[in-house]
Amino acid sequence: MDSMLVFWGQMTANPLLFLAVTLTLGVILVNGWTDAPNAIATCVATRCISPRAAILMAAVFNFLGVFLMTLLSAKVAETITKMVDFGSDPDLAIIALSAALFAIVLWATLAWVFGIPTSESHALIAGLTGSAIALHNSLAGVNGGEWVKVLYGIVISIVLGFGFGWLVCKGVTILFRNADRPKTEPFFRGAQVAGAAYMAFMHGAQDGQKFMGVILLCVYMSQGQALPDGIEIPLWLMVLCSVIMAAGTAMGGKKIIKSVGMDMVKLEKYQGFSADVAAASALLFCSVCSLPVSTTHAKTISIMGVGAVKRISAINFGVVKEMVLTWILTFPGCGLVGFLMTKLFMMLFT
């Protein structure tokens, strides 16, 4: 795996591996158009930066997040890869994993059609889990010790996202309470762009690791090997995932930017800055603690915390309700699709 040419040779020699990796790249592309826009939604919504420049910035900082945080720790990737067991048969394992990835693409695409930010992180976890259950016909393929980290991540991201959002925004409000509002505009315009870059960095750190871990899992499973502890992710794989993610953001980001950055809370520049810093800080904490969490979840919750500083009624609870419903449905819904797709793929390819 150190060389991309070696990897390409493995893929072309194994059609099942080729299918699994292609589907993984498809999931990354979908992540780019449904998840990555959340990182830049607020700075575009407040007109601090143009959509095109924001997408370019997101691509650069997604890569830096993937690269630097992976050098620091690849524990998020390890958690994802050890969450389920696809058994010792390499062909069956790849078929099941391909079915799970197909289910994730299908689920995320439907959410995108309706303009609702969905979490590819939760869809990934649900799809893999449903597929492993289908393969074993029981819960034997689910590693509860790793899976419970997802539940911890959900709770912690909610508490930290909302809490940090409220605290940062409240602190900014107090610090600048006597300032002339028009004179602070240039400062917060630059600060919000920096905050969005920070958010894009942490999006890459979290989501990039998850999908790179799945690609490594594909390769090792195709060879009938277990993923070793202390996995090392090659540089070319980081670049590949970052480029695919950026392409997805360019394809479909505007619809999600409107839903997150404009519809849920009407944001001013200082509020957008507060939301970005709060969400990215919550993601940083979870990444250091090896917890796979939803970047969408963290960002939307932080925006709610920011809106609550002004008044609770500033939050558009209709949009929030749609998002919460999507999150609630993702685990059983995408898990069921993963289960059914695995059964179907096993019938077709075995």
Protein backbone atom coordinates (compact mmCIF):
# COMPACT_ATOMS: atom_id res chain seq x y z
CA MET A 1 0.00 0.00 0.00
CA ASP A 2 2.99 2.37 0.16
CA SER A 3 2.82 2.81 -3.62
CA MET A 4 -0.23 3.87 -5.60
CA LEU A 5 0.97 1.70 -8.51
CA VAL A 6 0.97 -1.37 -6.25
CA PHE A 7 -2.52 -0.46 -5.06
CA TRP A 8 -3.73 -0.05 -8.65
CA GLY A 9 -2.26 -3.42 -9.55
CA GLN A 10 -4.15 -5.05 -6.66
CA MET A 11 -7.40 -3.42 -7.75
CA THR A 12 -7.13 -4.42 -11.41
CA ALA A 13 -6.29 -8.00 -10.42
CA ASN A 14 -9.30 -8.31 -8.13
CA PRO A 15 -12.70 -7.14 -9.52
CA LEU A 16 -14.34 -7.33 -6.09
CA LEU A 17 -11.67 -5.09 -4.60
CA PHE A 18 -12.08 -2.69 -7.53
CA LEU A 19 -15.83 -2.54 -6.87
CA ALA A 20 -15.38 -1.94 -3.12
CA VAL A 21 -12.80 0.84 -3.56
CA THR A 22 -14.86 2.51 -6.31
CA LEU A 23 -17.89 2.54 -4.03
CA THR A 24 -15.78 3.96 -1.19
CA LEU A 25 -14.64 6.78 -3.44
CA GLY A 26 -18.30 7.28 -4.33
CA VAL A 27 -19.12 7.68 -0.65
CA ILE A 28 -16.31 10.22 -0.30
CA LEU A 29 -17.72 12.13 -3.28
CA VAL A 30 -21.17 12.14 -1.67
CA ASN A 31 -19.57 13.26 1.60
CA GLY A 32 -18.03 16.15 -0.30
CA TRP A 33 -21.36 17.44 -1.57
CA THR A 34 -23.42 16.77 1.59
CA ASP A 35 -21.01 17.06 4.55
CA ALA A 36 -18.07 19.25 3.51
CA PRO A 37 -20.29 22.27 2.68
CA ASN A 38 -21.20 22.48 6.37
CA ALA A 39 -17.64 23.62 7.06
CA ILE A 40 -17.98 26.67 4.81
CA ALA A 41 -21.74 27.28 5.04
CA THR A 42 -21.65 30.10 7.56
CA CYS A 43 -18.90 32.18 5.94
CA VAL A 44 -20.67 31.95 2.56
CA ALA A 45 -24.07 32.73 4.10
CA THR A 46 -22.71 35.90 5.72
CA ARG A 47 -20.98 36.88 2.43
CA CYS A 48 -17.48 36.86 3.92
CA ILE A 49 -16.22 34.82 0.99
CA SER A 50 -17.56 33.71 -2.39
CA PRO A 51 -18.74 30.11 -2.83
CA ARG A 52 -15.96 29.33 -5.32
CA ALA A 53 -13.22 30.67 -3.03
CA ALA A 54 -14.80 28.90 -0.06
CA ILE A 55 -14.80 25.56 -1.91
CA LEU A 56 -11.14 25.99 -2.81
CA MET A 57 -10.31 26.85 0.78
CA ALA A 58 -12.29 23.85 2.02
CA ALA A 59 -10.35 21.56 -0.34
CA VAL A 60 -6.98 22.84 0.89
CA PHE A 61 -7.84 22.66 4.57
CA ASN A 62 -9.60 19.31 4.21
CA PHE A 63 -6.30 17.94 2.93
CA LEU A 64 -4.29 19.60 5.70
CA GLY A 65 -6.70 18.15 8.26
CA VAL A 66 -6.38 14.68 6.76
CA PHE A 67 -2.58 14.93 6.61
CA LEU A 68 -1.66 16.58 9.91
CA MET A 69 -4.21 14.86 12.15
CA THR A 70 -3.39 11.47 10.63
CA LEU A 71 0.27 12.06 11.42
CA LEU A 72 -0.75 12.84 14.99
CA SER A 73 -3.11 9.91 15.40
CA ALA A 74 -5.00 7.51 13.10
CA LYS A 75 -7.20 6.24 15.95
CA VAL A 76 -10.45 7.44 14.35
CA ALA A 77 -9.68 5.31 11.29
CA GLU A 78 -8.87 2.33 13.53
CA THR A 79 -12.15 2.70 15.43
CA ILE A 80 -14.16 2.56 12.19
CA THR A 81 -12.28 -0.45 10.82
CA LYS A 82 -12.59 -2.43 14.07
CA MET A 83 -16.26 -1.67 14.63
CA VAL A 84 -17.42 -4.72 12.66
CA ASP A 85 -16.05 -8.12 11.64
CA PHE A 86 -16.67 -9.33 8.09
CA GLY A 87 -15.30 -12.81 8.72
CA SER A 88 -12.34 -14.70 7.27
CA ASP A 89 -13.63 -15.38 3.74
CA PRO A 90 -12.08 -12.56 1.64
CA ASP A 91 -14.61 -12.79 -1.20
CA LEU A 92 -17.65 -12.73 1.10
CA ALA A 93 -16.10 -9.93 3.14
CA ILE A 94 -15.55 -7.71 0.09
CA ILE A 95 -19.07 -8.45 -1.22
CA ALA A 96 -20.58 -7.47 2.15
CA LEU A 97 -18.47 -4.32 2.40
CA SER A 98 -19.41 -3.32 -1.17
CA ALA A 99 -23.09 -3.75 -0.32
CA ALA A 100 -22.68 -1.55 2.76
CA LEU A 101 -21.00 1.19 0.73
CA PHE A 102 -23.69 1.02 -1.95
CA ALA A 103 -26.31 1.45 0.77
CA ILE A 104 -24.50 4.52 2.12
CA VAL A 105 -24.36 6.18 -1.31
CA LEU A 106 -28.06 5.47 -1.87
CA TRP A 107 -29.07 6.81 1.54
CA ALA A 108 -26.95 9.98 1.33
CA THR A 109 -28.13 10.75 -2.20
CA LEU A 110 -31.78 10.61 -1.14
CA ALA A 111 -31.05 13.00 1.74
CA TRP A 112 -29.26 15.36 -0.64
CA VAL A 113 -32.21 15.37 -3.04
CA PHE A 114 -34.39 16.76 -0.23
CA GLY A 115 -31.73 19.30 0.81
CA ILE A 116 -31.35 17.91 4.32
CA PRO A 117 -27.79 17.75 5.73
CA THR A 118 -27.13 14.12 6.50
CA SER A 119 -24.25 12.51 8.27
CA GLU A 120 -22.12 10.20 6.16
CA SER A 121 -20.36 9.30 9.41
CA HIS A 122 -23.55 7.87 10.89
CA ALA A 123 -24.54 6.37 7.54
CA LEU A 124 -21.13 4.70 7.29
CA ILE A 125 -21.45 3.22 10.76
CA ALA A 126 -25.05 2.11 10.16
CA GLY A 127 -24.34 0.61 6.74
CA LEU A 128 -21.32 -1.34 7.95
CA THR A 129 -23.23 -2.61 10.97
CA GLY A 130 -26.27 -3.73 8.96
CA SER A 131 -23.99 -5.47 6.48
CA ALA A 132 -22.06 -7.33 9.20
CA ILE A 133 -25.33 -8.49 10.79
CA ALA A 134 -26.54 -9.78 7.41
CA LEU A 135 -23.28 -11.63 6.80
CA HIS A 136 -23.31 -13.38 10.19
CA ASN A 137 -27.12 -13.58 10.55
CA SER A 138 -26.57 -12.31 14.08
CA LEU A 139 -24.87 -9.58 16.10
CA ALA A 140 -21.69 -11.67 16.24
CA GLY A 141 -20.04 -9.42 13.66
CA VAL A 142 -20.55 -6.22 15.69
CA ASN A 143 -17.83 -5.09 18.09
CA GLY A 144 -19.80 -3.51 20.90
CA GLY A 145 -16.71 -2.06 22.55
CA GLU A 146 -15.92 0.03 19.49
CA TRP A 147 -19.54 0.71 18.55
CA VAL A 148 -20.27 2.31 21.93
CA LYS A 149 -17.74 5.03 21.08
CA VAL A 150 -20.24 6.22 18.49
CA LEU A 151 -22.85 6.76 21.19
CA TYR A 152 -20.30 8.58 23.34
CA GLY A 153 -19.43 10.72 20.33
CA ILE A 154 -23.07 11.68 19.71
CA VAL A 155 -23.61 12.80 23.30
CA ILE A 156 -20.27 14.59 23.60
CA SER A 157 -20.64 16.38 20.24
CA ILE A 158 -24.11 17.63 21.25
CA VAL A 159 -22.95 18.90 24.65
CA LEU A 160 -19.69 20.42 23.40
CA GLY A 161 -21.15 21.80 20.16
CA PHE A 162 -24.04 23.60 21.84
CA GLY A 163 -22.02 24.57 24.92
CA PHE A 164 -19.02 25.89 22.98
CA GLY A 165 -21.35 27.71 20.56
CA TRP A 166 -23.11 29.49 23.40
CA LEU A 167 -19.91 30.25 25.33
CA VAL A 168 -17.91 31.56 22.36
CA CYS A 169 -20.76 33.71 21.08
CA LYS A 170 -21.55 35.02 24.57
CA GLY A 171 -17.88 35.82 25.12
CA VAL A 172 -17.65 37.68 21.81
CA THR A 173 -20.85 39.60 22.61
CA ILE A 174 -19.48 40.71 25.99
CA LEU A 175 -16.03 41.52 24.63
CA PHE A 176 -17.39 43.73 21.83
CA ARG A 177 -20.46 45.12 23.62
CA ASN A 178 -19.18 48.70 23.51
CA ALA A 179 -17.64 48.48 20.03
CA ASP A 180 -19.00 50.33 17.03
CA ARG A 181 -20.71 47.51 15.08
CA PRO A 182 -19.76 48.74 11.55
CA LYS A 183 -16.12 49.07 12.58
CA THR A 184 -15.99 45.43 13.70
CA GLU A 185 -17.21 44.13 10.34
CA PRO A 186 -13.75 43.87 8.67
CA PHE A 187 -12.32 42.05 11.70
CA PHE A 188 -15.12 39.49 11.86
CA ARG A 189 -15.07 39.02 8.09
CA GLY A 190 -11.45 37.86 8.32
CA ALA A 191 -12.06 36.00 11.58
CA GLN A 192 -14.95 34.07 10.06
CA VAL A 193 -12.89 33.00 7.06
CA ALA A 194 -10.24 31.76 9.51
CA GLY A 195 -12.93 29.98 11.52
CA ALA A 196 -14.27 28.29 8.39
CA ALA A 197 -10.75 27.15 7.50
CA TYR A 198 -10.44 25.68 11.01
CA MET A 199 -13.77 23.91 10.52
CA ALA A 200 -12.72 22.54 7.11
CA PHE A 201 -9.46 21.34 8.67
CA MET A 202 -11.34 19.37 11.33
CA HIS A 203 -13.81 18.01 8.77
CA GLY A 204 -10.88 16.49 6.90
CA ALA A 205 -9.38 15.22 10.14
CA GLN A 206 -12.59 13.40 11.11
CA ASP A 207 -14.26 12.27 7.89
CA GLY A 208 -11.12 11.79 5.82
CA GLN A 209 -9.75 9.30 8.34
CA LYS A 210 -12.97 7.29 8.39
CA PHE A 211 -13.04 6.73 4.64
CA MET A 212 -9.32 6.10 4.31
CA GLY A 213 -9.71 3.48 7.01
CA VAL A 214 -12.42 1.79 4.91
CA ILE A 215 -10.15 1.72 1.82
CA LEU A 216 -7.37 0.13 3.86
CA LEU A 217 -9.92 -2.34 5.21
CA CYS A 218 -10.89 -3.24 1.63
CA VAL A 219 -7.28 -4.01 0.72
CA TYR A 220 -6.50 -6.14 3.75
CA MET A 221 -9.79 -8.05 3.56
CA SER A 222 -9.24 -8.83 -0.12
CA GLN A 223 -6.02 -10.57 0.92
CA GLY A 224 -7.68 -12.45 3.78
CA GLN A 225 -5.73 -10.42 6.36
CA ALA A 226 -6.82 -8.55 9.46
CA LEU A 227 -6.04 -4.85 9.67
CA PRO A 228 -2.95 -4.45 11.89
CA ASP A 229 -2.80 -2.21 14.94
CA GLY A 230 -1.18 1.16 14.44
CA ILE A 231 -2.15 1.49 10.77
CA GLU A 232 -0.16 3.87 8.59
CA ILE A 233 -2.01 5.81 5.90
CA PRO A 234 0.11 6.64 2.81
CA LEU A 235 0.34 10.21 1.54
CA TRP A 236 -1.09 9.42 -1.90
CA LEU A 237 -4.25 8.06 -0.26
CA MET A 238 -4.66 11.29 1.71
CA VAL A 239 -4.33 13.32 -1.50
CA LEU A 240 -6.78 11.07 -3.38
CA CYS A 241 -9.46 11.32 -0.69
CA SER A 242 -9.03 15.10 -0.40
CA VAL A 243 -9.37 15.63 -4.16
CA ILE A 244 -12.50 13.44 -4.40
CA MET A 245 -14.05 15.23 -1.41
CA ALA A 246 -13.32 18.64 -2.98
CA ALA A 247 -14.92 17.55 -6.25
CA GLY A 248 -18.07 16.57 -4.38
CA THR A 249 -18.20 19.93 -2.61
CA ALA A 250 -17.97 21.73 -5.94
CA MET A 251 -20.80 19.59 -7.37
CA GLY A 252 -23.53 20.02 -4.78
CA GLY A 253 -22.51 22.30 -1.96
CA LYS A 254 -24.83 25.27 -2.51
CA LYS A 255 -28.02 23.49 -1.49
CA ILE A 256 -26.57 22.37 1.85
CA ILE A 257 -24.97 25.79 2.44
CA LYS A 258 -28.42 27.38 2.17
CA SER A 259 -30.03 24.85 4.52
CA VAL A 260 -27.36 25.11 7.22
CA GLY A 261 -26.07 28.64 6.88
CA MET A 262 -29.26 30.53 6.00
CA ASP A 263 -32.41 28.62 6.92
CA MET A 264 -31.70 27.39 10.45
CA VAL A 265 -30.47 30.62 12.07
CA LYS A 266 -30.07 34.06 10.49
CA LEU A 267 -26.38 34.61 11.22
CA GLU A 268 -24.32 37.74 11.53
CA LYS A 269 -20.56 37.60 10.96
CA TYR A 270 -19.62 37.36 14.64
CA GLN A 271 -22.16 34.55 15.08
CA GLY A 272 -20.81 32.64 12.09
CA PHE A 273 -17.30 32.97 13.49
CA SER A 274 -18.50 31.70 16.89
CA ALA A 275 -20.25 28.70 15.34
CA ASP A 276 -17.21 27.68 13.28
CA VAL A 277 -14.77 27.95 16.17
CA ALA A 278 -17.13 26.09 18.52
CA ALA A 279 -17.86 23.22 16.12
CA ALA A 280 -14.23 22.77 15.08
CA SER A 281 -13.09 22.78 18.71
CA ALA A 282 -15.66 20.11 19.57
CA LEU A 283 -14.40 18.01 16.62
CA LEU A 284 -10.80 18.50 17.74
CA PHE A 285 -11.62 17.22 21.21
CA CYS A 286 -13.41 14.16 19.82
CA SER A 287 -10.59 13.43 17.34
CA VAL A 288 -7.96 13.53 20.08
CA CYS A 289 -10.15 11.15 22.11
CA SER A 290 -10.46 8.78 19.08
CA LEU A 291 -14.23 9.26 18.88
CA PRO A 292 -15.80 9.10 15.39
CA VAL A 293 -18.43 11.85 15.29
CA SER A 294 -20.58 13.61 12.74
CA THR A 295 -19.16 16.90 11.46
CA THR A 296 -22.68 17.87 10.36
CA HIS A 297 -23.96 17.12 13.85
CA ALA A 298 -21.29 19.24 15.51
CA LYS A 299 -21.79 22.21 13.16
CA THR A 300 -25.57 22.36 13.32
CA ILE A 301 -25.61 21.97 17.11
CA SER A 302 -23.05 24.76 17.48
CA ILE A 303 -25.23 27.04 15.31
CA MET A 304 -28.12 26.30 17.66
CA GLY A 305 -25.93 27.25 20.63
CA VAL A 306 -25.00 30.52 18.94
CA GLY A 307 -28.65 31.28 18.15
CA ALA A 308 -29.63 30.60 21.77
CA VAL A 309 -27.42 33.48 22.97
CA LYS A 310 -29.75 35.98 21.33
CA ARG A 311 -32.98 34.13 22.05
CA ILE A 312 -34.29 30.60 21.62
CA SER A 313 -36.84 31.82 19.06
CA ALA A 314 -33.95 32.82 16.76
CA ILE A 315 -33.56 29.14 15.90
CA ASN A 316 -35.70 27.81 13.05
CA PHE A 317 -36.94 24.66 14.76
CA GLY A 318 -38.62 23.46 11.58
CA VAL A 319 -35.19 22.98 9.97
CA VAL A 320 -33.81 21.54 13.21
CA LYS A 321 -36.67 19.04 13.32
CA GLU A 322 -35.89 17.85 9.79
CA MET A 323 -32.22 17.37 10.68
CA VAL A 324 -32.96 15.52 13.92
CA LEU A 325 -35.41 13.27 12.08
CA THR A 326 -32.73 12.48 9.52
CA TRP A 327 -30.26 11.57 12.27
CA ILE A 328 -32.82 9.39 14.05
CA LEU A 329 -33.71 7.57 10.84
CA THR A 330 -30.12 7.10 9.65
CA PHE A 331 -29.08 4.33 12.02
CA PRO A 332 -32.08 1.99 11.54
CA GLY A 333 -32.76 3.16 7.98
CA CYS A 334 -29.28 2.95 6.50
CA GLY A 335 -28.59 -0.12 8.64
CA LEU A 336 -31.62 -1.86 7.12
CA VAL A 337 -30.61 -0.84 3.59
CA GLY A 338 -27.11 -2.18 4.30
CA PHE A 339 -28.61 -5.44 5.56
CA LEU A 340 -30.84 -5.88 2.52
CA MET A 341 -28.16 -4.88 0.02
CA THR A 342 -25.76 -7.40 1.57
CA LYS A 343 -28.30 -10.20 1.22
CA LEU A 344 -28.92 -9.12 -2.39
CA PHE A 345 -25.21 -8.85 -3.24
CA MET A 346 -24.56 -12.30 -1.73
CA MET A 347 -27.30 -13.77 -3.91
CA LEU A 348 -25.91 -12.09 -7.02
CA PHE A 349 -22.18 -12.60 -6.55
CA THR A 350 -21.83 -15.93 -4.71
